[in-house]
Amino acid sequence: MQYVSPSRANGAQESGKITILIVDDDNVDREFVRRSLLKSYSEKATFLEARTAKEAIEIMGKHEIHCFVLDYMLPDLNGLELVRKVAK
């Protein structure tokens, strides 16, 4: 598994992979989540990352996200606020 930058993730859906967005301001936590998911989804998923809710919203506007894992305490919004914004 490799980290795929948002600009390279457009082909994920075409290849039958799901796209998972990991949202956390802590690099170590993002790496832990990615490695944990890798155990089950190494060949089935493309992983994108965001450090803030703003970055996550921008990525979600550009890419089809099938699942996202987020931290509750982000620098700009909390996780529930982000879910509410995305749900609108």
Protein backbone atom coordinates (compact mmCIF):
# COMPACT_ATOMS: atom_id res chain seq x y z
CA MET A 1 0.00 0.00 0.00
CA GLN A 2 1.16 3.47 -0.69
CA TYR A 3 -0.27 6.83 0.16
CA VAL A 4 -1.96 8.29 -2.90
CA SER A 5 -2.10 12.03 -3.13
CA PRO A 6 -5.52 13.52 -3.85
CA SER A 7 -4.44 14.53 -7.35
CA ARG A 8 -3.67 10.87 -8.25
CA ALA A 9 -6.76 9.30 -6.68
CA ASN A 10 -9.16 9.95 -9.53
CA GLY A 11 -8.48 6.52 -11.02
CA ALA A 12 -9.40 4.68 -7.83
CA GLN A 13 -13.03 4.14 -8.77
CA GLU A 14 -12.11 3.03 -12.28
CA SER A 15 -9.91 0.27 -10.86
CA GLY A 16 -12.69 -1.04 -8.58
CA LYS A 17 -11.04 0.22 -5.41
CA ILE A 18 -12.84 2.08 -2.67
CA THR A 19 -11.50 5.42 -1.51
CA ILE A 20 -10.99 5.94 2.22
CA LEU A 21 -10.29 9.40 3.61
CA ILE A 22 -8.38 9.56 6.91
CA VAL A 23 -8.85 12.90 8.70
CA ASP A 24 -6.59 13.59 11.66
CA ASP A 25 -4.23 16.42 12.53
CA ASP A 26 -1.74 14.01 14.13
CA ASN A 27 0.67 12.31 11.69
CA VAL A 28 1.23 9.32 13.97
CA ASP A 29 -2.50 8.70 14.37
CA ARG A 30 -3.08 8.94 10.61
CA GLU A 31 -0.29 6.43 10.03
CA PHE A 32 -1.73 4.07 12.65
CA VAL A 33 -5.19 4.17 11.05
CA ARG A 34 -3.73 3.66 7.57
CA ARG A 35 -1.66 0.66 8.71
CA SER A 36 -4.63 -0.85 10.55
CA LEU A 37 -6.86 -0.55 7.49
CA LEU A 38 -4.09 -1.83 5.26
CA LYS A 39 -4.37 -5.25 6.92
CA SER A 40 -7.84 -5.73 5.45
CA TYR A 41 -7.88 -3.44 2.43
CA SER A 42 -4.38 -3.49 0.94
CA GLU A 43 -5.56 -4.40 -2.56
CA LYS A 44 -9.06 -2.96 -2.30
CA ALA A 45 -8.58 0.66 -1.22
CA THR A 46 -6.96 3.93 -2.05
CA PHE A 47 -6.19 6.08 0.98
CA LEU A 48 -6.37 9.86 1.07
CA GLU A 49 -5.41 12.01 4.02
CA ALA A 50 -6.40 15.38 5.43
CA ARG A 51 -5.11 17.25 8.48
CA THR A 52 -8.09 19.57 8.91
CA ALA A 53 -11.82 19.59 8.28
CA LYS A 54 -11.28 22.22 5.60
CA GLU A 55 -8.84 19.93 3.76
CA ALA A 56 -11.28 17.03 4.13
CA ILE A 57 -14.15 19.04 2.64
CA GLU A 58 -11.96 20.09 -0.29
CA ILE A 59 -10.94 16.48 -0.95
CA MET A 60 -14.56 15.29 -0.69
CA GLY A 61 -15.53 17.92 -3.25
CA LYS A 62 -12.99 16.55 -5.74
CA HIS A 63 -13.16 12.80 -5.13
CA GLU A 64 -15.75 10.14 -4.52
CA ILE A 65 -15.14 9.08 -0.92
CA HIS A 66 -16.65 5.77 0.11
CA CYS A 67 -15.62 5.88 3.76
CA PHE A 68 -13.92 8.35 6.03
CA VAL A 69 -12.28 7.91 9.40
CA LEU A 70 -11.94 11.07 11.41
CA ASP A 71 -10.59 12.39 14.63
CA TYR A 72 -13.06 14.09 16.95
CA MET A 73 -10.75 17.00 17.81
CA LEU A 74 -9.56 18.72 14.65
CA PRO A 75 -7.96 22.19 14.63
CA ASP A 76 -10.84 23.89 12.80
CA LEU A 77 -13.97 21.80 13.56
CA ASN A 78 -14.77 18.79 15.68
CA GLY A 79 -15.65 15.48 14.04
CA LEU A 80 -19.39 15.83 14.60
CA GLU A 81 -19.43 19.27 13.00
CA LEU A 82 -17.62 17.84 9.98
CA VAL A 83 -20.12 15.01 9.66
CA ARG A 84 -22.97 17.53 9.81
CA LYS A 85 -21.40 19.65 7.07
CA VAL A 86 -20.82 16.65 4.84
CA ALA A 87 -24.36 15.35 5.39
CA LYS A 88 -25.94 18.59 4.06
